[in-house]
């Protein structure tokens, strides 16, 4: 039963092959949109209000956390 085939030496290929045009399109999109978060300074107060339930932090704690994230 195929005793001469060594499965350790067989190579399998990834099921998805990357199209060169698709890769270039992705690179162009990342060049335009990829560093948007770095260029724009986030509003930490809105980030906190989206992620955490209201009342979890006091106003003083929110202010202190925003200062920490800003620096």
N, C-alpha and C. Protein backbone atom coordinates (compact mmCIF):
# COMPACT_ATOMS: atom_id res chain seq x y z
N UNK A 1 0.83 -1.18 0.00
CA UNK A 1 0.00 0.00 0.00
C UNK A 1 0.88 1.25 0.00
N UNK A 2 1.38 1.70 -1.09
CA UNK A 2 2.16 2.91 -1.26
C UNK A 2 3.23 3.09 -0.17
N UNK A 3 3.94 2.04 0.12
CA UNK A 3 4.94 2.09 1.18
C UNK A 3 6.12 2.98 0.82
N UNK A 4 6.32 3.24 -0.47
CA UNK A 4 7.48 4.04 -0.87
C UNK A 4 7.22 5.55 -0.83
N UNK A 5 6.03 6.00 -0.50
CA UNK A 5 5.72 7.43 -0.41
C UNK A 5 5.97 7.91 1.01
N UNK A 6 6.82 8.91 1.15
CA UNK A 6 7.11 9.48 2.46
C UNK A 6 6.26 10.75 2.60
N UNK A 7 5.25 10.71 3.44
CA UNK A 7 4.34 11.85 3.58
C UNK A 7 5.00 13.07 4.19
N UNK A 8 6.11 12.89 4.88
CA UNK A 8 6.80 14.03 5.48
C UNK A 8 7.45 14.91 4.42
N UNK A 9 7.76 14.35 3.26
CA UNK A 9 8.43 15.10 2.21
C UNK A 9 7.48 15.65 1.15
N UNK A 10 6.21 15.36 1.24
CA UNK A 10 5.26 15.89 0.26
C UNK A 10 4.87 17.30 0.67
N UNK A 11 4.66 18.13 -0.33
CA UNK A 11 4.35 19.53 -0.06
C UNK A 11 2.92 19.82 -0.47
N UNK A 12 2.19 20.43 0.42
CA UNK A 12 0.82 20.83 0.09
C UNK A 12 0.80 22.33 -0.15
N UNK A 13 -0.04 22.75 -1.06
CA UNK A 13 -0.14 24.16 -1.38
C UNK A 13 -1.34 24.78 -0.68
N UNK A 14 -1.23 26.04 -0.38
CA UNK A 14 -2.32 26.75 0.26
C UNK A 14 -3.51 26.78 -0.70
N UNK A 15 -4.72 26.58 -0.19
CA UNK A 15 -5.88 26.49 -1.07
C UNK A 15 -6.21 27.80 -1.80
N UNK A 16 -5.77 28.92 -1.29
CA UNK A 16 -6.10 30.20 -1.91
C UNK A 16 -4.83 30.79 -2.51
N UNK A 17 -4.83 30.98 -3.79
CA UNK A 17 -3.69 31.61 -4.46
C UNK A 17 -3.98 33.10 -4.57
N UNK A 18 -2.98 33.93 -4.38
CA UNK A 18 -3.16 35.38 -4.41
C UNK A 18 -2.96 35.87 -5.84
N UNK A 19 -3.94 36.60 -6.34
CA UNK A 19 -3.86 37.21 -7.65
C UNK A 19 -3.00 38.45 -7.54
N UNK A 20 -2.05 38.63 -8.45
CA UNK A 20 -1.15 39.78 -8.41
C UNK A 20 -1.90 41.11 -8.48
N UNK A 21 -2.94 41.19 -9.31
CA UNK A 21 -3.72 42.42 -9.42
C UNK A 21 -4.45 42.73 -8.12
N UNK A 22 -4.98 41.68 -7.49
CA UNK A 22 -5.67 41.88 -6.21
C UNK A 22 -4.69 42.34 -5.14
N UNK A 23 -3.48 41.81 -5.17
CA UNK A 23 -2.47 42.21 -4.21
C UNK A 23 -2.08 43.67 -4.38
N UNK A 24 -1.94 44.11 -5.64
CA UNK A 24 -1.62 45.52 -5.90
C UNK A 24 -2.77 46.43 -5.49
N UNK A 25 -4.00 46.00 -5.73
CA UNK A 25 -5.16 46.79 -5.31
C UNK A 25 -5.19 46.93 -3.80
N UNK A 26 -4.90 45.84 -3.10
CA UNK A 26 -4.85 45.89 -1.64
C UNK A 26 -3.75 46.82 -1.16
N UNK A 27 -2.58 46.76 -1.80
CA UNK A 27 -1.47 47.63 -1.42
C UNK A 27 -1.84 49.10 -1.62
N UNK A 28 -2.50 49.42 -2.74
CA UNK A 28 -2.93 50.80 -2.97
C UNK A 28 -3.94 51.25 -1.91
N UNK A 29 -4.89 50.36 -1.57
CA UNK A 29 -5.90 50.71 -0.57
C UNK A 29 -5.23 50.95 0.78
N UNK A 30 -4.30 50.07 1.17
CA UNK A 30 -3.61 50.24 2.44
C UNK A 30 -2.77 51.52 2.46
N UNK A 31 -2.19 51.87 1.32
CA UNK A 31 -1.40 53.10 1.26
C UNK A 31 -2.28 54.32 1.51
N UNK A 32 -3.50 54.28 0.99
CA UNK A 32 -4.41 55.41 1.17
C UNK A 32 -5.10 55.38 2.53
N UNK A 33 -5.54 54.20 2.96
CA UNK A 33 -6.39 54.10 4.15
C UNK A 33 -5.73 53.45 5.35
N UNK A 34 -4.60 52.81 5.18
CA UNK A 34 -4.02 52.00 6.24
C UNK A 34 -3.55 52.76 7.46
N UNK A 35 -3.05 53.97 7.27
CA UNK A 35 -2.50 54.71 8.40
C UNK A 35 -3.43 55.81 8.88
N UNK A 36 -4.69 55.72 8.51
CA UNK A 36 -5.66 56.75 8.89
C UNK A 36 -5.75 56.91 10.40
N UNK A 37 -5.72 55.81 11.13
CA UNK A 37 -5.84 55.89 12.58
C UNK A 37 -4.63 56.59 13.19
N UNK A 38 -3.49 56.47 12.57
CA UNK A 38 -2.29 57.10 13.10
C UNK A 38 -2.35 58.61 12.88
N UNK A 39 -2.83 59.02 11.71
CA UNK A 39 -2.89 60.44 11.39
C UNK A 39 -3.93 61.18 12.23
N UNK A 40 -5.06 60.54 12.49
CA UNK A 40 -6.13 61.18 13.23
C UNK A 40 -6.01 60.83 14.72
N UNK A 41 -6.00 61.85 15.55
CA UNK A 41 -5.96 61.62 16.98
C UNK A 41 -7.36 61.21 17.43
N UNK A 42 -7.51 60.05 18.05
CA UNK A 42 -8.83 59.60 18.45
C UNK A 42 -9.39 60.42 19.61
N UNK A 43 -10.70 60.50 19.65
CA UNK A 43 -11.38 61.12 20.77
C UNK A 43 -11.55 60.04 21.84
N UNK A 44 -10.68 60.08 22.84
CA UNK A 44 -10.65 59.01 23.82
C UNK A 44 -11.94 58.91 24.62
N UNK A 45 -12.60 60.03 24.83
CA UNK A 45 -13.86 60.00 25.59
C UNK A 45 -14.92 59.21 24.82
N UNK A 46 -14.99 59.39 23.51
CA UNK A 46 -15.98 58.63 22.73
C UNK A 46 -15.59 57.16 22.63
N UNK A 47 -14.28 56.88 22.58
CA UNK A 47 -13.83 55.49 22.57
C UNK A 47 -14.25 54.80 23.86
N UNK A 48 -14.05 55.49 24.97
CA UNK A 48 -14.44 54.92 26.27
C UNK A 48 -15.95 54.70 26.35
N UNK A 49 -16.72 55.68 25.87
CA UNK A 49 -18.18 55.55 25.98
C UNK A 49 -18.71 54.45 25.07
N UNK A 50 -18.01 54.15 23.95
CA UNK A 50 -18.45 53.07 23.07
C UNK A 50 -18.10 51.70 23.64
N UNK A 51 -16.99 51.61 24.35
CA UNK A 51 -16.51 50.31 24.81
C UNK A 51 -17.05 49.88 26.16
N UNK A 52 -17.32 50.85 27.04
CA UNK A 52 -17.67 50.51 28.41
C UNK A 52 -19.06 51.04 28.75
N UNK A 53 -19.78 50.32 29.60
CA UNK A 53 -21.13 50.76 29.97
C UNK A 53 -21.11 52.07 30.76
N UNK A 54 -22.18 52.83 30.62
CA UNK A 54 -22.31 54.10 31.33
C UNK A 54 -22.32 53.83 32.82
N UNK A 55 -21.57 54.63 33.57
CA UNK A 55 -21.53 54.50 35.02
C UNK A 55 -20.42 53.60 35.52
N UNK A 56 -19.69 52.95 34.61
CA UNK A 56 -18.61 52.08 35.06
C UNK A 56 -17.47 52.90 35.66
N UNK A 57 -17.17 54.05 35.05
CA UNK A 57 -16.12 54.94 35.53
C UNK A 57 -16.75 56.26 35.96
N UNK A 58 -16.18 56.87 36.99
CA UNK A 58 -16.61 58.20 37.38
C UNK A 58 -16.00 59.21 36.40
N UNK A 59 -16.49 60.44 36.43
CA UNK A 59 -15.98 61.48 35.54
C UNK A 59 -14.49 61.72 35.78
N UNK A 60 -14.07 61.69 37.05
CA UNK A 60 -12.64 61.87 37.36
C UNK A 60 -11.79 60.73 36.79
N UNK A 61 -12.30 59.51 36.87
CA UNK A 61 -11.57 58.36 36.32
C UNK A 61 -11.47 58.46 34.80
N UNK A 62 -12.56 58.86 34.15
CA UNK A 62 -12.54 59.02 32.69
C UNK A 62 -11.52 60.08 32.29
N UNK A 63 -11.51 61.19 33.00
CA UNK A 63 -10.56 62.27 32.71
C UNK A 63 -9.12 61.78 32.88
N UNK A 64 -8.86 61.04 33.96
CA UNK A 64 -7.51 60.53 34.21
C UNK A 64 -7.10 59.51 33.15
N UNK A 65 -8.02 58.63 32.77
CA UNK A 65 -7.70 57.65 31.74
C UNK A 65 -7.45 58.32 30.39
N UNK A 66 -8.23 59.33 30.06
CA UNK A 66 -8.02 60.05 28.81
C UNK A 66 -6.65 60.74 28.80
N UNK A 67 -6.26 61.30 29.91
CA UNK A 67 -4.93 61.92 30.01
C UNK A 67 -3.82 60.90 29.83
N UNK A 68 -3.99 59.72 30.43
CA UNK A 68 -2.99 58.65 30.28
C UNK A 68 -2.86 58.22 28.83
N UNK A 69 -3.99 58.07 28.13
CA UNK A 69 -3.96 57.63 26.74
C UNK A 69 -3.43 58.71 25.82
N UNK A 70 -3.60 59.95 26.18
CA UNK A 70 -3.12 61.06 25.37
C UNK A 70 -1.60 61.15 25.43
N UNK A 71 -1.01 60.77 26.57
CA UNK A 71 0.45 60.89 26.74
C UNK A 71 1.14 59.63 26.45
